[in-house]
Protein backbone atom coordinates (compact mmCIF):
# COMPACT_ATOMS: atom_id res chain seq x y z
CA UNK A 1 113.09 51.78 55.75
CA UNK A 2 114.70 55.21 55.29
CA UNK A 3 111.30 56.88 55.82
CA UNK A 4 110.76 54.91 59.05
CA UNK A 5 114.16 56.03 60.37
CA UNK A 6 113.34 59.67 59.63
CA UNK A 7 109.99 59.34 61.35
CA UNK A 8 111.62 57.84 64.48
CA UNK A 9 114.18 60.64 64.53
CA UNK A 10 111.42 63.27 64.37
CA UNK A 11 109.59 61.56 67.27
CA UNK A 12 112.77 61.50 69.31
CA UNK A 13 113.39 65.20 68.65
CA UNK A 14 109.85 66.25 69.45
CA UNK A 15 109.41 64.18 72.63
CA UNK A 16 111.47 66.43 74.91
CA UNK A 17 109.73 69.48 73.58
CA UNK A 18 106.30 67.98 74.23
CA UNK A 19 107.41 66.84 77.69
CA UNK A 20 108.72 70.27 78.54
CA UNK A 21 105.55 71.96 77.27
CA UNK A 22 103.49 69.71 79.55
CA UNK A 23 105.50 71.05 82.52
CA UNK A 24 104.71 74.68 81.76
CA UNK A 25 101.68 75.58 83.92
CA UNK A 26 98.89 77.97 83.16
CA UNK A 27 99.97 81.52 83.92
CA UNK A 28 97.72 83.03 86.61
CA UNK A 29 95.82 86.27 86.31
CA UNK A 30 97.34 89.07 88.32
CA UNK A 31 95.03 91.28 90.36
CA UNK A 32 96.12 94.66 91.70
CA UNK A 33 94.38 95.09 95.06
CA UNK A 34 94.82 98.39 96.72
CA UNK A 35 98.38 98.68 95.46
CA UNK A 36 99.37 95.07 96.06
CA UNK A 37 99.95 92.44 93.38
CA UNK A 38 97.86 89.31 94.09
CA UNK A 39 97.96 86.02 92.28
CA UNK A 40 97.19 82.29 92.94
CA UNK A 41 100.02 79.81 92.45
CA UNK A 42 98.61 76.29 91.89
CA UNK A 43 101.27 74.57 89.79
CA UNK A 44 101.79 70.91 90.47
CA UNK A 45 105.50 71.19 91.33
CA UNK A 46 107.68 73.76 93.13
CA UNK A 47 109.25 74.66 89.77
CA UNK A 48 105.83 75.16 88.19
CA UNK A 49 104.65 77.45 90.97
CA UNK A 50 107.87 79.45 90.68
CA UNK A 51 107.46 79.71 86.95
CA UNK A 52 103.86 80.97 87.41
CA UNK A 53 105.20 83.64 89.83
CA UNK A 54 108.03 84.69 87.57
CA UNK A 55 106.10 84.79 84.35
CA UNK A 56 103.03 86.56 85.79
CA UNK A 57 105.08 89.19 87.60
CA UNK A 58 107.95 89.55 85.10
CA UNK A 59 107.59 93.29 84.84
CA UNK A 60 107.67 94.16 88.53
CA UNK A 61 110.42 91.60 89.17
CA UNK A 62 112.67 93.14 86.48
CA UNK A 63 111.83 96.63 87.77
CA UNK A 64 112.77 95.64 91.34
CA UNK A 65 116.09 94.20 90.18
CA UNK A 66 116.92 97.34 88.24
CA UNK A 67 116.07 99.34 91.33
CA UNK A 68 118.18 96.92 93.47
CA UNK A 69 121.27 97.41 91.27
CA UNK A 70 120.83 101.21 91.34
CA UNK A 71 120.37 101.14 95.14
CA UNK A 72 123.66 99.29 95.48
CA UNK A 73 125.40 101.86 93.23
CA UNK A 74 124.08 104.91 95.09
CA UNK A 75 123.84 103.71 98.73
CA UNK A 76 126.64 101.21 98.99
CA UNK A 77 129.00 102.92 96.50
CA UNK A 78 129.21 99.74 94.37
CA UNK A 79 130.54 100.76 90.94
CA UNK A 80 129.70 97.42 89.37
CA UNK A 81 126.65 96.02 91.15
CA UNK A 82 126.36 92.99 88.83
CA UNK A 83 129.89 91.89 89.60
CA UNK A 84 129.39 92.34 93.32
CA UNK A 85 126.16 90.31 93.21
CA UNK A 86 127.90 87.43 91.52
CA UNK A 87 130.82 87.57 94.01
CA UNK A 88 128.36 87.45 96.94
CA UNK A 89 126.60 84.43 95.37
CA UNK A 90 129.92 82.57 94.75
CA UNK A 91 131.75 83.50 98.00
CA UNK A 92 128.98 82.55 100.48
CA UNK A 93 127.33 79.24 101.13
CA UNK A 94 123.72 80.43 101.16
CA UNK A 95 122.66 79.04 97.77
CA UNK A 96 124.12 75.66 98.44
CA UNK A 97 122.47 75.59 101.93
CA UNK A 98 119.04 76.10 100.38
CA UNK A 99 119.73 73.58 97.62
CA UNK A 100 120.72 70.92 100.21
CA UNK A 101 118.22 71.58 102.94
CA UNK A 102 115.18 72.90 101.04
CA UNK A 103 115.39 71.49 97.46
CA UNK A 104 111.74 72.28 96.75
CA UNK A 105 112.26 76.00 97.41
CA UNK A 106 115.49 75.93 95.38
CA UNK A 107 113.44 74.54 92.50
CA UNK A 108 110.80 77.23 93.01
CA UNK A 109 113.56 79.85 92.74
CA UNK A 110 114.67 78.26 89.49
CA UNK A 111 111.10 78.58 88.22
CA UNK A 112 110.88 82.27 89.20
CA UNK A 113 114.17 82.94 87.46
CA UNK A 114 113.25 81.25 84.25
CA UNK A 115 109.69 82.57 84.20
CA UNK A 116 110.83 86.18 84.68
CA UNK A 117 113.94 85.88 82.53
CA UNK A 118 116.32 87.13 85.25
CA UNK A 119 119.65 85.70 86.39
CA UNK A 120 119.26 83.11 89.19
CA UNK A 121 122.10 84.43 91.37
CA UNK A 122 120.80 87.98 91.11
CA UNK A 123 117.30 86.92 92.04
CA UNK A 124 118.65 84.99 95.01
CA UNK A 125 120.76 87.88 96.30
CA UNK A 126 117.92 90.41 95.76
CA UNK A 127 115.80 88.60 98.31
CA UNK A 128 118.65 87.75 100.71
CA UNK A 129 119.03 91.36 101.82
CA UNK A 130 119.66 90.68 105.53
CA UNK A 131 122.53 88.41 104.56
CA UNK A 132 123.73 90.83 101.91
CA UNK A 133 123.92 93.73 104.36
CA UNK A 134 126.30 91.73 106.54
CA UNK A 135 128.47 91.15 103.41
CA UNK A 136 128.41 94.87 102.61
CA UNK A 137 129.29 95.86 106.18
CA UNK A 138 132.22 93.40 106.30
CA UNK A 139 133.54 94.82 102.99
CA UNK A 140 133.18 98.39 104.28
CA UNK A 141 130.55 99.40 101.72
CA UNK A 142 128.04 100.18 104.42
CA UNK A 143 128.89 101.48 107.95
CA UNK A 144 125.82 99.78 109.35
CA UNK A 145 122.56 98.72 107.72
CA UNK A 146 119.32 100.31 108.84
CA UNK A 147 116.90 97.85 110.34
CA UNK A 148 113.81 98.69 112.28
CA UNK A 149 111.28 95.85 111.94
CA UNK A 150 108.84 95.41 114.80
CA UNK A 151 106.73 92.25 115.36
CA UNK A 152 103.96 91.75 117.93
CA UNK A 153 101.60 89.00 118.96
CA UNK A 154 98.47 88.66 121.13
CA UNK A 155 97.00 85.28 122.08
CA UNK A 156 95.04 83.21 124.63
CA UNK A 157 91.87 85.37 124.79
CA UNK A 158 88.65 83.48 125.32
CA UNK A 159 86.57 83.50 122.19
CA UNK A 160 88.83 86.02 120.43
CA UNK A 161 91.42 85.60 117.67
CA UNK A 162 95.18 85.66 117.98
CA UNK A 163 97.20 88.27 116.19
CA UNK A 164 100.66 88.14 114.59
CA UNK A 165 101.98 91.38 113.11
CA UNK A 166 105.08 92.55 111.28
CA UNK A 167 106.16 95.97 110.06
CA UNK A 168 108.74 95.49 107.28
CA UNK A 169 111.24 98.33 107.60
CA UNK A 170 113.58 97.61 104.72
CA UNK A 171 115.50 99.15 101.74
CA UNK A 172 113.61 101.31 99.34
CA UNK A 173 114.33 99.20 96.27
CA UNK A 174 111.22 97.25 97.40
CA UNK A 175 108.95 100.23 96.75
CA UNK A 176 106.00 99.56 94.48
CA UNK A 177 106.29 95.72 94.21
CA UNK A 178 104.39 94.54 97.37
CA UNK A 179 102.89 91.14 96.61
CA UNK A 180 100.58 88.56 98.20
CA UNK A 181 100.93 84.99 96.80
CA UNK A 182 98.04 82.62 97.41
CA UNK A 183 99.83 79.30 97.21
CA UNK A 184 97.90 76.06 96.81
CA UNK A 185 99.72 72.78 97.27
CA UNK A 186 98.79 69.68 95.17
CA UNK A 187 97.53 66.55 96.88
CA UNK A 188 97.16 68.56 100.13
CA UNK A 189 94.73 70.92 101.82
CA UNK A 190 97.65 73.31 102.60
CA UNK A 191 97.26 76.90 101.38
CA UNK A 192 99.45 79.90 102.23
CA UNK A 193 98.81 83.68 102.00
CA UNK A 194 102.43 84.75 101.53
CA UNK A 195 103.10 88.50 101.97
CA UNK A 196 106.24 89.29 100.10
CA UNK A 197 107.66 91.37 97.20
CA UNK A 198 107.64 90.47 93.52
CA UNK A 199 110.22 87.75 92.86
CA UNK A 200 110.79 86.87 96.53
CA UNK A 201 110.03 83.54 98.19
CA UNK A 202 108.63 85.13 101.38
CA UNK A 203 108.64 87.86 104.00
CA UNK A 204 105.76 87.06 106.35
CA UNK A 205 102.29 85.58 106.16
CA UNK A 206 99.81 82.95 107.35
CA UNK A 207 98.56 79.49 106.29
CA UNK A 208 95.09 78.00 106.42
CA UNK A 209 96.09 75.78 109.31
CA UNK A 210 96.56 78.93 111.50
CA UNK A 211 100.33 79.30 111.42
CA UNK A 212 101.66 82.86 110.96
CA UNK A 213 105.13 84.36 111.12
CA UNK A 214 106.86 87.72 111.16
CA UNK A 215 110.64 88.47 111.49
CA UNK A 216 113.19 90.86 113.02
CA UNK A 217 116.91 91.26 112.43
CA UNK A 218 118.95 90.71 115.67
CA UNK A 219 121.77 93.18 115.22
CA UNK A 220 123.76 92.19 118.32
CA UNK A 221 124.08 88.42 117.88
CA UNK A 222 126.75 86.50 115.92
CA UNK A 223 126.42 85.84 112.18
CA UNK A 224 127.96 83.33 109.81
CA UNK A 225 128.79 82.98 106.07
CA UNK A 226 126.55 79.99 105.52
CA UNK A 227 123.16 78.74 106.44
CA UNK A 228 119.62 79.28 105.16
CA UNK A 229 118.57 82.90 104.40
CA UNK A 230 115.61 84.31 106.26
CA UNK A 231 113.04 84.36 103.43
CA UNK A 232 113.35 80.62 102.88
CA UNK A 233 112.85 79.88 106.58
CA UNK A 234 109.69 82.00 106.53
CA UNK A 235 108.20 79.98 103.67
CA UNK A 236 109.17 76.67 105.29
CA UNK A 237 107.51 77.67 108.55
CA UNK A 238 104.32 78.48 106.63
CA UNK A 239 104.33 74.93 105.24
CA UNK A 240 104.00 73.45 108.73
CA UNK A 241 101.04 72.51 110.97
CA UNK A 242 101.68 74.49 114.22
CA UNK A 243 104.24 76.43 116.23
CA UNK A 244 105.74 73.23 117.68
CA UNK A 245 106.75 72.02 114.22
CA UNK A 246 108.09 75.46 113.41
CA UNK A 247 110.24 75.55 116.57
CA UNK A 248 111.53 72.07 115.84
CA UNK A 249 112.45 73.13 112.28
CA UNK A 250 114.36 76.16 113.52
CA UNK A 251 116.21 74.10 116.11
CA UNK A 252 117.49 71.87 113.35
CA UNK A 253 118.82 74.72 111.26
CA UNK A 254 121.94 76.81 110.59
CA UNK A 255 121.36 80.51 110.06
CA UNK A 256 123.24 82.97 107.88
CA UNK A 257 122.13 85.96 109.91
CA UNK A 258 120.74 86.35 113.44
CA UNK A 259 117.02 86.71 113.37
CA UNK A 260 113.91 86.60 115.56
CA UNK A 261 110.87 84.69 114.28
CA UNK A 262 107.56 85.62 115.86
CA UNK A 263 105.38 82.56 115.24
CA UNK A 264 101.72 82.13 116.06
CA UNK A 265 99.12 79.38 115.75
CA UNK A 266 95.58 78.88 117.04
CA UNK A 267 96.80 78.46 120.64
CA UNK A 268 99.77 80.73 121.23
CA UNK A 269 102.29 83.22 119.85
CA UNK A 270 106.00 82.84 120.62
CA UNK A 271 109.30 84.55 119.74
CA UNK A 272 112.25 82.42 118.67
CA UNK A 273 115.74 83.97 118.53
CA UNK A 274 118.11 82.33 116.11
CA UNK A 275 121.81 82.71 115.27
CA UNK A 276 124.49 80.39 113.87
CA UNK A 277 123.29 76.92 114.94
CA UNK A 278 121.08 78.15 117.80
CA UNK A 279 117.34 78.68 118.35
CA UNK A 280 115.99 79.86 121.69
CA UNK A 281 112.31 80.28 122.57
CA UNK A 282 111.84 83.34 124.82
CA UNK A 283 109.91 82.96 128.06
CA UNK A 284 110.06 86.42 129.59
CA UNK A 285 106.97 88.14 128.25
CA UNK A 286 103.83 89.40 130.00
CA UNK A 287 100.82 87.10 129.84
CA UNK A 288 99.11 86.87 126.37
CA UNK A 289 101.59 89.27 124.64
CA UNK A 290 104.84 89.05 122.74
CA UNK A 291 106.84 91.72 120.90
CA UNK A 292 110.30 91.98 119.41
CA UNK A 293 112.54 94.57 117.80
CA UNK A 294 116.21 94.43 116.85
CA UNK A 295 118.16 93.50 120.02
CA UNK A 296 118.28 90.14 121.80
CA UNK A 297 116.00 89.66 124.79
CA UNK A 298 118.04 86.79 126.30
CA UNK A 299 119.74 87.51 129.63
CA UNK A 300 122.98 85.68 128.84
CA UNK A 301 123.10 86.03 125.07
CA UNK A 302 126.53 86.06 123.28
CA UNK A 303 126.16 89.69 122.19
CA UNK A 304 128.67 91.11 119.73
CA UNK A 305 128.14 94.76 120.76
CA UNK A 306 126.02 96.68 123.23
CA UNK A 307 122.66 98.19 122.14
CA UNK A 308 121.51 100.38 124.98
CA UNK A 309 118.38 102.51 125.18
CA UNK A 310 120.20 105.79 124.56
CA UNK A 311 121.91 104.78 121.30
CA UNK A 312 119.42 102.21 120.06
CA UNK A 313 122.37 100.41 118.56
CA UNK A 314 123.40 103.06 116.03
CA UNK A 315 121.25 102.92 112.93
CA UNK A 316 118.94 100.29 114.46
CA UNK A 317 117.10 103.25 115.84
CA UNK A 318 114.90 103.17 118.90
CA UNK A 319 114.93 99.39 119.29
CA UNK A 320 114.39 99.64 123.04
CA UNK A 321 111.82 102.36 122.75
CA UNK A 322 109.84 100.41 120.12
CA UNK A 323 109.84 97.31 122.27
CA UNK A 324 108.63 99.22 125.34
CA UNK A 325 105.87 100.93 123.32
CA UNK A 326 104.60 97.60 121.96
CA UNK A 327 104.73 95.73 125.28
CA UNK A 328 103.19 98.56 127.29
CA UNK A 329 100.34 99.13 124.80
CA UNK A 330 99.40 95.49 124.36
CA UNK A 331 99.83 94.26 127.93
CA UNK A 332 97.68 97.04 129.49
CA UNK A 333 94.46 95.28 128.41
CA UNK A 334 95.33 92.28 126.25
CA UNK A 335 91.84 90.69 126.45
CA UNK A 336 90.27 93.71 124.74
CA UNK A 337 92.88 94.43 122.04
CA UNK A 338 91.16 94.86 118.66
CA UNK A 339 92.32 94.94 115.04
CA UNK A 340 91.92 98.74 115.18
CA UNK A 341 94.22 98.92 118.26
CA UNK A 342 96.83 96.83 116.49
CA UNK A 343 96.71 98.87 113.28
CA UNK A 344 97.02 102.10 115.25
CA UNK A 345 100.08 100.73 117.04
CA UNK A 346 101.70 99.82 113.77
CA UNK A 347 101.31 103.41 112.60
CA UNK A 348 102.75 104.97 115.78
CA UNK A 349 106.30 106.26 115.85
CA UNK A 350 108.91 105.01 116.50
CA UNK A 351 107.35 101.64 115.46
CA UNK A 352 106.43 103.41 112.27
CA UNK A 353 109.62 104.36 110.36
CA UNK A 354 108.54 106.92 107.80
CA UNK A 355 110.05 108.75 105.98
CA UNK A 356 113.11 106.86 107.13
CA UNK A 357 116.11 106.42 104.83
CA UNK A 358 116.87 104.65 101.56
CA UNK A 359 118.50 101.93 103.63
CA UNK A 360 115.36 101.30 105.66
CA UNK A 361 111.83 102.54 106.15
CA UNK A 362 108.35 101.01 106.69
CA UNK A 363 107.36 99.54 103.32
CA UNK A 364 104.79 96.92 104.38
CA UNK A 365 102.68 96.18 107.44
CA UNK A 366 101.12 92.78 108.01
CA UNK A 367 98.43 91.77 110.51
CA UNK A 368 97.43 88.09 110.54
CA UNK A 369 94.18 87.32 112.38
CA UNK A 370 94.03 83.70 113.56
CA UNK A 371 90.61 82.55 114.90
CA UNK A 372 90.22 79.53 117.16
CA UNK A 373 88.23 77.92 114.39
CA UNK A 374 87.90 78.66 110.69
CA UNK A 375 90.24 80.30 108.18
CA UNK A 376 92.73 82.96 109.24
CA UNK A 377 92.77 86.32 107.41
CA UNK A 378 95.75 88.32 106.19
CA UNK A 379 95.76 92.10 106.13
CA UNK A 380 98.60 93.86 104.31
CA UNK A 381 99.54 97.37 103.29
CA UNK A 382 101.23 98.16 99.96
CA UNK A 383 103.57 100.65 101.68
CA UNK A 384 103.63 102.55 104.97
CA UNK A 385 100.46 102.03 107.02
CA UNK A 386 100.09 105.73 107.72
CA UNK A 387 99.74 106.28 103.97
CA UNK A 388 97.66 103.27 102.92
CA UNK A 389 94.73 101.20 104.25
CA UNK A 390 95.18 97.53 105.07
CA UNK A 391 94.05 95.29 102.25
CA UNK A 392 92.19 92.08 103.24
CA UNK A 393 93.14 88.70 101.80
CA UNK A 394 91.23 85.51 102.51
CA UNK A 395 91.49 81.78 101.74
């Protein structure tokens, strides 16, 4: 009898361990393609895919977080970056917003954290840099954050693909950790090529259904202390079937920071300006072309300060000039725009921001090519596009 009880106790103790071990997925092989980390995430749950990401890219994730803390110390004069990060996580509602509205992505973040061995709050704040900059500006640590991202789109050309593009002009703690995640969803045909940085949920990308997205900070629209951070909205959009579903998702949302989402599918590319509880689809572009920089394009928008062509809105440099360059270039002959034309535009100043500053320079350029039929293709650079060639990623 005593031996039976001991055996039952051992079974009870081992069962959770065995159950947990079954949840740990195979760790994917990491390729290094032209300076970009590439790996396939095929775990059966959001947590498992996050764990694959975190475990496989543990070294670059930890490197990026060390660079993040040092960046805060040097550029934002934060003496104790770790303490500030925890205060940001506790004193804003961003984490709870994601946990409530997007529980799958919250679980994926948990997986990344545990796989890489880094603190969850620090990992969350590291990728919520648009929201963090607002926090730093309110506290007086930064006068104004640099932001220069430029997105463009071309669509509706008979027999030719649509384009969605995004230059990421962001803080330099992202240097050297450019990543493309090839995400495969269980019990579904959905796949995503997610262009991002090691440890981050998403920055831009395209799915195999033909949905692509790029983003721009809108410096002159209102912000709030709650809502879903940008990177999580990007990933959610890439889980959808078309631009209509993406627009409906954005219209149901609350946003922590004002942002433009340039969203394309097999039919059309649109720009959606979002702030607080609002999402507005712009309708004032030339035929077959969209472009966006860092100021609102709405006629009666609730602007918080003026961003005119002469000032460019302070450190959001040349926002009007960048928009004009993109629109003028693409709308001149939209039916004949090629990949080479697009890549040249992305390396033309002032759309190209290089060398820039530690608070913002071109660190990634994405071009998504969306054919009318067949699989889209993602092209990404590991750093500034005038330094590096675009690397091709396919489904």
